[in-house]
């Protein structure tokens, strides 16, 4: 875990900014998913459950991809220079 945090601290400013925007986007998608899941709780329609679950999964996948791809792209950029 310490190695991961050290890698995140060494990121370039532009890459760090892109990862930040990606995590903000993922958070917004997760909040939308939570609101849809609340609709499922109050209305009991199954389609809201499936849509909310798909959105929450997508938001977690987006967050993971932004972090991993940001670290990979930054390391490739540093090796190319």
PDB file of N, CA and C in Angstrom:
ATOM      1  N   UNK A   1       0.813  -1.189   0.000  1.00  0.00           N
ATOM      2  CA  UNK A   1       0.000   0.000   0.000  1.00  0.00           C
ATOM      3  C   UNK A   1       0.863   1.263   0.000  1.00  0.00           C
ATOM      4  N   UNK A   2       1.978   1.195   0.731  1.00  0.00           N
ATOM      5  CA  UNK A   2       2.841   2.366   0.780  1.00  0.00           C
ATOM      6  C   UNK A   2       3.410   2.685  -0.597  1.00  0.00           C
ATOM      7  N   UNK A   3       3.717   1.641  -1.365  1.00  0.00           N
ATOM      8  CA  UNK A   3       4.265   1.845  -2.699  1.00  0.00           C
ATOM      9  C   UNK A   3       3.245   2.521  -3.608  1.00  0.00           C
ATOM     10  N   UNK A   4       1.989   2.145  -3.468  1.00  0.00           N
ATOM     11  CA  UNK A   4       0.936   2.753  -4.278  1.00  0.00           C
ATOM     12  C   UNK A   4       0.792   4.233  -3.940  1.00  0.00           C
ATOM     13  N   UNK A   5       0.790   4.564  -2.651  1.00  0.00           N
ATOM     14  CA  UNK A   5       0.668   5.961  -2.253  1.00  0.00           C
ATOM     15  C   UNK A   5       1.885   6.775  -2.673  1.00  0.00           C
ATOM     16  N   UNK A   6       3.059   6.171  -2.635  1.00  0.00           N
ATOM     17  CA  UNK A   6       4.258   6.881  -3.094  1.00  0.00           C
ATOM     18  C   UNK A   6       4.193   7.148  -4.592  1.00  0.00           C
ATOM     19  N   UNK A   7       3.686   6.176  -5.369  1.00  0.00           N
ATOM     20  CA  UNK A   7       3.527   6.378  -6.812  1.00  0.00           C
ATOM     21  C   UNK A   7       2.529   7.491  -7.101  1.00  0.00           C
ATOM     22  N   UNK A   8       1.463   7.558  -6.334  1.00  0.00           N
ATOM     23  CA  UNK A   8       0.467   8.606  -6.546  1.00  0.00           C
ATOM     24  C   UNK A   8       1.009   9.984  -6.199  1.00  0.00           C
ATOM     25  N   UNK A   9       1.917  10.060  -5.231  1.00  0.00           N
ATOM     26  CA  UNK A   9       2.511  11.342  -4.868  1.00  0.00           C
ATOM     27  C   UNK A   9       3.513  11.830  -5.910  1.00  0.00           C
ATOM     28  N   UNK A  10       4.097  10.916  -6.678  1.00  0.00           N
ATOM     29  CA  UNK A  10       5.107  11.279  -7.676  1.00  0.00           C
ATOM     30  C   UNK A  10       4.512  11.652  -9.029  1.00  0.00           C
ATOM     31  N   UNK A  11       3.211  11.651  -9.151  1.00  0.00           N
ATOM     32  CA  UNK A  11       2.582  11.906 -10.451  1.00  0.00           C
ATOM     33  C   UNK A  11       2.820  13.331 -10.924  1.00  0.00           C
ATOM     34  N   UNK A  12       2.801  13.484 -12.233  1.00  0.00           N
ATOM     35  CA  UNK A  12       2.900  14.790 -12.856  1.00  0.00           C
ATOM     36  C   UNK A  12       1.634  15.586 -12.538  1.00  0.00           C
ATOM     37  N   UNK A  13       1.724  16.900 -12.535  1.00  0.00           N
ATOM     38  CA  UNK A  13       0.581  17.746 -12.184  1.00  0.00           C
ATOM     39  C   UNK A  13      -0.600  17.541 -13.130  1.00  0.00           C
ATOM     40  N   UNK A  14      -0.330  17.437 -14.416  1.00  0.00           N
ATOM     41  CA  UNK A  14      -1.410  17.265 -15.405  1.00  0.00           C
ATOM     42  C   UNK A  14      -2.090  15.918 -15.219  1.00  0.00           C
ATOM     43  N   UNK A  15      -1.316  14.876 -15.010  1.00  0.00           N
ATOM     44  CA  UNK A  15      -1.878  13.548 -14.792  1.00  0.00           C
ATOM     45  C   UNK A  15      -2.685  13.518 -13.504  1.00  0.00           C
ATOM     46  N   UNK A  16      -2.184  14.157 -12.477  1.00  0.00           N
ATOM     47  CA  UNK A  16      -2.878  14.218 -11.196  1.00  0.00           C
ATOM     48  C   UNK A  16      -4.220  14.939 -11.343  1.00  0.00           C
ATOM     49  N   UNK A  17      -4.228  15.987 -12.152  1.00  0.00           N
ATOM     50  CA  UNK A  17      -5.445  16.751 -12.395  1.00  0.00           C
ATOM     51  C   UNK A  17      -6.472  15.912 -13.154  1.00  0.00           C
ATOM     52  N   UNK A  18      -6.027  15.163 -14.148  1.00  0.00           N
ATOM     53  CA  UNK A  18      -6.918  14.302 -14.921  1.00  0.00           C
ATOM     54  C   UNK A  18      -7.505  13.209 -14.036  1.00  0.00           C
ATOM     55  N   UNK A  19      -6.685  12.631 -13.175  1.00  0.00           N
ATOM     56  CA  UNK A  19      -7.187  11.610 -12.252  1.00  0.00           C
ATOM     57  C   UNK A  19      -8.221  12.224 -11.302  1.00  0.00           C
ATOM     58  N   UNK A  20      -7.983  13.421 -10.863  1.00  0.00           N
ATOM     59  CA  UNK A  20      -8.933  14.107  -9.978  1.00  0.00           C
ATOM     60  C   UNK A  20     -10.278  14.329 -10.654  1.00  0.00           C
ATOM     61  N   UNK A  21     -10.233  14.791 -11.927  1.00  0.00           N
ATOM     62  CA  UNK A  21     -11.481  14.982 -12.662  1.00  0.00           C
ATOM     63  C   UNK A  21     -12.197  13.653 -12.906  1.00  0.00           C
ATOM     64  N   UNK A  22     -11.427  12.603 -13.158  1.00  0.00           N
ATOM     65  CA  UNK A  22     -12.022  11.287 -13.365  1.00  0.00           C
ATOM     66  C   UNK A  22     -12.694  10.764 -12.115  1.00  0.00           C
ATOM     67  N   UNK A  23     -12.061  10.974 -10.969  1.00  0.00           N
ATOM     68  CA  UNK A  23     -12.672  10.545  -9.711  1.00  0.00           C
ATOM     69  C   UNK A  23     -13.909  11.370  -9.375  1.00  0.00           C
ATOM     70  N   UNK A  24     -13.884  12.645  -9.737  1.00  0.00           N
ATOM     71  CA  UNK A  24     -15.082  13.473  -9.534  1.00  0.00           C
ATOM     72  C   UNK A  24     -16.227  12.977 -10.415  1.00  0.00           C
ATOM     73  N   UNK A  25     -15.924  12.639 -11.661  1.00  0.00           N
ATOM     74  CA  UNK A  25     -16.940  12.081 -12.555  1.00  0.00           C
ATOM     75  C   UNK A  25     -17.498  10.777 -12.001  1.00  0.00           C
ATOM     76  N   UNK A  26     -16.626   9.925 -11.497  1.00  0.00           N
ATOM     77  CA  UNK A  26     -17.061   8.647 -10.931  1.00  0.00           C
ATOM     78  C   UNK A  26     -17.939   8.861  -9.702  1.00  0.00           C
ATOM     79  N   UNK A  27     -17.609   9.867  -8.909  1.00  0.00           N
ATOM     80  CA  UNK A  27     -18.416  10.175  -7.730  1.00  0.00           C
ATOM     81  C   UNK A  27     -19.801  10.649  -8.128  1.00  0.00           C
ATOM     82  N   UNK A  28     -19.878  11.466  -9.165  1.00  0.00           N
ATOM     83  CA  UNK A  28     -21.183  11.942  -9.642  1.00  0.00           C
ATOM     84  C   UNK A  28     -22.023  10.786 -10.155  1.00  0.00           C
ATOM     85  N   UNK A  29     -21.410   9.875 -10.901  1.00  0.00           N
ATOM     86  CA  UNK A  29     -22.142   8.706 -11.395  1.00  0.00           C
ATOM     87  C   UNK A  29     -22.608   7.835 -10.229  1.00  0.00           C
ATOM     88  N   UNK A  30     -21.772   7.700  -9.204  1.00  0.00           N
ATOM     89  CA  UNK A  30     -22.151   6.910  -8.030  1.00  0.00           C
ATOM     90  C   UNK A  30     -23.320   7.555  -7.280  1.00  0.00           C
ATOM     91  N   UNK A  31     -23.319   8.873  -7.182  1.00  0.00           N
ATOM     92  CA  UNK A  31     -24.428   9.565  -6.522  1.00  0.00           C
ATOM     93  C   UNK A  31     -25.725   9.416  -7.300  1.00  0.00           C
ATOM     94  N   UNK A  32     -25.638   9.453  -8.615  1.00  0.00           N
ATOM     95  CA  UNK A  32     -26.827   9.222  -9.445  1.00  0.00           C
ATOM     96  C   UNK A  32     -27.327   7.799  -9.238  1.00  0.00           C
ATOM     97  N   UNK A  33     -26.400   6.843  -9.161  1.00  0.00           N
ATOM     98  CA  UNK A  33     -26.778   5.449  -8.937  1.00  0.00           C
ATOM     99  C   UNK A  33     -27.458   5.271  -7.577  1.00  0.00           C
ATOM    100  N   UNK A  34     -26.946   5.955  -6.569  1.00  0.00           N
ATOM    101  CA  UNK A  34     -27.558   5.861  -5.240  1.00  0.00           C
ATOM    102  C   UNK A  34     -28.969   6.435  -5.260  1.00  0.00           C
ATOM    103  N   UNK A  35     -29.162   7.541  -5.964  1.00  0.00           N
ATOM    104  CA  UNK A  35     -30.507   8.119  -6.039  1.00  0.00           C
ATOM    105  C   UNK A  35     -31.464   7.194  -6.790  1.00  0.00           C
ATOM    106  N   UNK A  36     -30.979   6.511  -7.821  1.00  0.00           N
ATOM    107  CA  UNK A  36     -31.822   5.551  -8.540  1.00  0.00           C
ATOM    108  C   UNK A  36     -32.137   4.358  -7.652  1.00  0.00           C
ATOM    109  N   UNK A  37     -31.163   3.917  -6.866  1.00  0.00           N
ATOM    110  CA  UNK A  37     -31.428   2.819  -5.938  1.00  0.00           C
ATOM    111  C   UNK A  37     -32.404   3.226  -4.840  1.00  0.00           C
ATOM    112  N   UNK A  38     -32.387   4.485  -4.441  1.00  0.00           N
ATOM    113  CA  UNK A  38     -33.398   4.975  -3.498  1.00  0.00           C
ATOM    114  C   UNK A  38     -34.790   4.956  -4.122  1.00  0.00           C
ATOM    115  N   UNK A  39     -34.863   5.274  -5.412  1.00  0.00           N
ATOM    116  CA  UNK A  39     -36.146   5.160  -6.112  1.00  0.00           C
ATOM    117  C   UNK A  39     -36.643   3.722  -6.091  1.00  0.00           C
ATOM    118  N   UNK A  40     -35.720   2.787  -6.240  1.00  0.00           N
ATOM    119  CA  UNK A  40     -36.097   1.376  -6.180  1.00  0.00           C
ATOM    120  C   UNK A  40     -36.672   1.032  -4.806  1.00  0.00           C
ATOM    121  N   UNK A  41     -36.053   1.547  -3.754  1.00  0.00           N
ATOM    122  CA  UNK A  41     -36.527   1.258  -2.401  1.00  0.00           C
ATOM    123  C   UNK A  41     -37.930   1.823  -2.193  1.00  0.00           C
ATOM    124  N   UNK A  42     -38.156   3.040  -2.664  1.00  0.00           N
ATOM    125  CA  UNK A  42     -39.447   3.681  -2.413  1.00  0.00           C
ATOM    126  C   UNK A  42     -40.548   3.212  -3.361  1.00  0.00           C
ATOM    127  N   UNK A  43     -40.200   2.916  -4.626  1.00  0.00           N
ATOM    128  CA  UNK A  43     -41.221   2.532  -5.599  1.00  0.00           C
ATOM    129  C   UNK A  43     -41.320   1.022  -5.804  1.00  0.00           C
ATOM    130  N   UNK A  44     -40.242   0.314  -5.600  1.00  0.00           N
ATOM    131  CA  UNK A  44     -40.264  -1.136  -5.722  1.00  0.00           C
ATOM    132  C   UNK A  44     -40.240  -1.665  -7.143  1.00  0.00           C
ATOM    133  N   UNK A  45     -39.854  -0.828  -8.105  1.00  0.00           N
ATOM    134  CA  UNK A  45     -39.780  -1.272  -9.496  1.00  0.00           C
ATOM    135  C   UNK A  45     -38.399  -1.886  -9.746  1.00  0.00           C
ATOM    136  N   UNK A  46     -38.399  -3.081 -10.292  1.00  0.00           N
ATOM    137  CA  UNK A  46     -37.145  -3.819 -10.466  1.00  0.00           C
ATOM    138  C   UNK A  46     -36.182  -3.166 -11.452  1.00  0.00           C
ATOM    139  N   UNK A  47     -36.675  -2.437 -12.424  1.00  0.00           N
ATOM    140  CA  UNK A  47     -35.802  -1.816 -13.428  1.00  0.00           C
ATOM    141  C   UNK A  47     -34.873  -0.788 -12.774  1.00  0.00           C
ATOM    142  N   UNK A  48     -35.369  -0.107 -11.732  1.00  0.00           N
ATOM    143  CA  UNK A  48     -34.525   0.856 -11.026  1.00  0.00           C
ATOM    144  C   UNK A  48     -33.366   0.151 -10.320  1.00  0.00           C
ATOM    145  N   UNK A  49     -33.613  -1.036  -9.808  1.00  0.00           N
ATOM    146  CA  UNK A  49     -32.550  -1.808  -9.155  1.00  0.00           C
ATOM    147  C   UNK A  49     -31.456  -2.166 -10.151  1.00  0.00           C
ATOM    148  N   UNK A  50     -31.843  -2.655 -11.316  1.00  0.00           N
ATOM    149  CA  UNK A  50     -30.859  -3.074 -12.309  1.00  0.00           C
ATOM    150  C   UNK A  50     -30.079  -1.886 -12.877  1.00  0.00           C
ATOM    151  N   UNK A  51     -30.768  -0.792 -13.108  1.00  0.00           N
ATOM    152  CA  UNK A  51     -30.082   0.408 -13.610  1.00  0.00           C
ATOM    153  C   UNK A  51     -29.125   0.954 -12.550  1.00  0.00           C
ATOM    154  N   UNK A  52     -29.571   1.046 -11.303  1.00  0.00           N
ATOM    155  CA  UNK A  52     -28.725   1.553 -10.227  1.00  0.00           C
ATOM    156  C   UNK A  52     -27.516   0.677  -9.985  1.00  0.00           C
ATOM    157  N   UNK A  53     -27.723  -0.632 -10.021  1.00  0.00           N
ATOM    158  CA  UNK A  53     -26.610  -1.550  -9.820  1.00  0.00           C
ATOM    159  C   UNK A  53     -25.588  -1.447 -10.952  1.00  0.00           C
ATOM    160  N   UNK A  54     -26.077  -1.344 -12.188  1.00  0.00           N
ATOM    161  CA  UNK A  54     -25.159  -1.198 -13.327  1.00  0.00           C
ATOM    162  C   UNK A  54     -24.380   0.115 -13.235  1.00  0.00           C
ATOM    163  N   UNK A  55     -25.042   1.190 -12.819  1.00  0.00           N
ATOM    164  CA  UNK A  55     -24.346   2.472 -12.697  1.00  0.00           C
ATOM    165  C   UNK A  55     -23.317   2.467 -11.572  1.00  0.00           C
ATOM    166  N   UNK A  56     -23.625   1.839 -10.460  1.00  0.00           N
ATOM    167  CA  UNK A  56     -22.661   1.820  -9.353  1.00  0.00           C
ATOM    168  C   UNK A  56     -21.445   0.979  -9.718  1.00  0.00           C
ATOM    169  N   UNK A  57     -21.672  -0.125 -10.428  1.00  0.00           N
ATOM    170  CA  UNK A  57     -20.542  -0.924 -10.910  1.00  0.00           C
ATOM    171  C   UNK A  57     -19.693  -0.123 -11.893  1.00  0.00           C
ATOM    172  N   UNK A  58     -20.357   0.575 -12.794  1.00  0.00           N
ATOM    173  CA  UNK A  58     -19.634   1.386 -13.783  1.00  0.00           C
ATOM    174  C   UNK A  58     -18.810   2.479 -13.113  1.00  0.00           C
ATOM    175  N   UNK A  59     -19.373   3.107 -12.091  1.00  0.00           N
ATOM    176  CA  UNK A  59     -18.630   4.175 -11.424  1.00  0.00           C
ATOM    177  C   UNK A  59     -17.386   3.634 -10.729  1.00  0.00           C
ATOM    178  N   UNK A  60     -17.477   2.446 -10.117  1.00  0.00           N
ATOM    179  CA  UNK A  60     -16.294   1.859  -9.491  1.00  0.00           C
ATOM    180  C   UNK A  60     -15.259   1.465 -10.539  1.00  0.00           C
ATOM    181  N   UNK A  61     -15.715   0.952 -11.668  1.00  0.00           N
ATOM    182  CA  UNK A  61     -14.783   0.589 -12.738  1.00  0.00           C
ATOM    183  C   UNK A  61     -14.113   1.834 -13.311  1.00  0.00           C
ATOM    184  N   UNK A  62     -14.879   2.916 -13.521  1.00  0.00           N
ATOM    185  CA  UNK A  62     -14.305   4.163 -14.021  1.00  0.00           C
ATOM    186  C   UNK A  62     -13.244   4.691 -13.056  1.00  0.00           C
ATOM    187  N   UNK A  63     -13.541   4.691 -11.767  1.00  0.00           N
ATOM    188  CA  UNK A  63     -12.583   5.209 -10.783  1.00  0.00           C
ATOM    189  C   UNK A  63     -11.290   4.402 -10.811  1.00  0.00           C
ATOM    190  N   UNK A  64     -11.426   3.086 -10.857  1.00  0.00           N
ATOM    191  CA  UNK A  64     -10.244   2.229 -10.898  1.00  0.00           C
ATOM    192  C   UNK A  64      -9.438   2.459 -12.166  1.00  0.00           C
ATOM    193  N   UNK A  65     -10.125   2.576 -13.289  1.00  0.00           N
ATOM    194  CA  UNK A  65      -9.421   2.787 -14.551  1.00  0.00           C
ATOM    195  C   UNK A  65      -8.717   4.130 -14.593  1.00  0.00           C
ATOM    196  N   UNK A  66      -9.336   5.164 -14.060  1.00  0.00           N
ATOM    197  CA  UNK A  66      -8.678   6.464 -14.057  1.00  0.00           C
ATOM    198  C   UNK A  66      -7.402   6.424 -13.224  1.00  0.00           C
ATOM    199  N   UNK A  67      -7.437   5.770 -12.087  1.00  0.00           N
ATOM    200  CA  UNK A  67      -6.245   5.711 -11.233  1.00  0.00           C
ATOM    201  C   UNK A  67      -5.156   4.869 -11.889  1.00  0.00           C
ATOM    202  N   UNK A  68      -5.510   3.667 -12.327  1.00  0.00           N
ATOM    203  CA  UNK A  68      -4.505   2.762 -12.897  1.00  0.00           C
ATOM    204  C   UNK A  68      -3.942   3.321 -14.195  1.00  0.00           C
ATOM    205  N   UNK A  69      -4.799   3.774 -15.074  1.00  0.00           N
ATOM    206  CA  UNK A  69      -4.310   4.306 -16.352  1.00  0.00           C
ATOM    207  C   UNK A  69      -3.513   5.589 -16.155  1.00  0.00           C
ATOM    208  N   UNK A  70      -3.878   6.396 -15.167  1.00  0.00           N
ATOM    209  CA  UNK A  70      -3.095   7.598 -14.880  1.00  0.00           C
ATOM    210  C   UNK A  70      -1.689   7.266 -14.436  1.00  0.00           C
ATOM    211  N   UNK A  71      -1.560   6.270 -13.572  1.00  0.00           N
ATOM    212  CA  UNK A  71      -0.228   5.861 -13.103  1.00  0.00           C
ATOM    213  C   UNK A  71       0.588   5.273 -14.252  1.00  0.00           C
ATOM    214  N   UNK A  72      -0.053   4.455 -15.080  1.00  0.00           N
ATOM    215  CA  UNK A  72       0.661   3.826 -16.199  1.00  0.00           C
ATOM    216  C   UNK A  72       1.115   4.869 -17.214  1.00  0.00           C
ATOM    217  N   UNK A  73       0.224   5.775 -17.569  1.00  0.00           N
ATOM    218  CA  UNK A  73       0.582   6.806 -18.552  1.00  0.00           C
ATOM    219  C   UNK A  73       1.694   7.700 -18.004  1.00  0.00           C
ATOM    220  N   UNK A  74       1.629   8.026 -16.730  1.00  0.00           N
ATOM    221  CA  UNK A  74       2.671   8.861 -16.137  1.00  0.00           C
ATOM    222  C   UNK A  74       4.020   8.147 -16.139  1.00  0.00           C
ATOM    223  N   UNK A  75       4.020   6.857 -15.833  1.00  0.00           N
ATOM    224  CA  UNK A  75       5.296   6.125 -15.837  1.00  0.00           C
ATOM    225  C   UNK A  75       5.847   5.982 -17.249  1.00  0.00           C
ATOM    226  N   UNK A  76       4.988   5.822 -18.241  1.00  0.00           N
ATOM    227  CA  UNK A  76       5.448   5.751 -19.632  1.00  0.00           C
ATOM    228  C   UNK A  76       6.015   7.086 -20.067  1.00  0.00           C
ATOM    229  N   UNK A  77       5.358   8.178 -19.677  1.00  0.00           N
ATOM    230  CA  UNK A  77       5.848   9.500 -20.027  1.00  0.00           C
ATOM    231  C   UNK A  77       7.212   9.784 -19.403  1.00  0.00           C
ATOM    232  N   UNK A  78       7.400   9.356 -18.164  1.00  0.00           N
ATOM    233  CA  UNK A  78       8.677   9.610 -17.498  1.00  0.00           C
ATOM    234  C   UNK A  78       9.799   8.780 -18.090  1.00  0.00           C
ATOM    235  N   UNK A  79       9.489   7.566 -18.557  1.00  0.00           N
ATOM    236  CA  UNK A  79      10.513   6.734 -19.180  1.00  0.00           C
ATOM    237  C   UNK A  79      10.861   7.223 -20.586  1.00  0.00           C
ATOM    238  N   UNK A  80       9.926   7.850 -21.270  1.00  0.00           N
ATOM    239  CA  UNK A  80      10.175   8.343 -22.631  1.00  0.00           C
ATOM    240  C   UNK A  80      11.047   9.588 -22.604  1.00  0.00           C
ATOM    241  N   UNK A  81      10.995  10.329 -21.523  1.00  0.00           N
ATOM    242  CA  UNK A  81      11.775  11.571 -21.418  1.00  0.00           C
ATOM    243  C   UNK A  81      13.142  11.282 -20.974  1.00  0.00           C
TER     244      UNK A  81
END
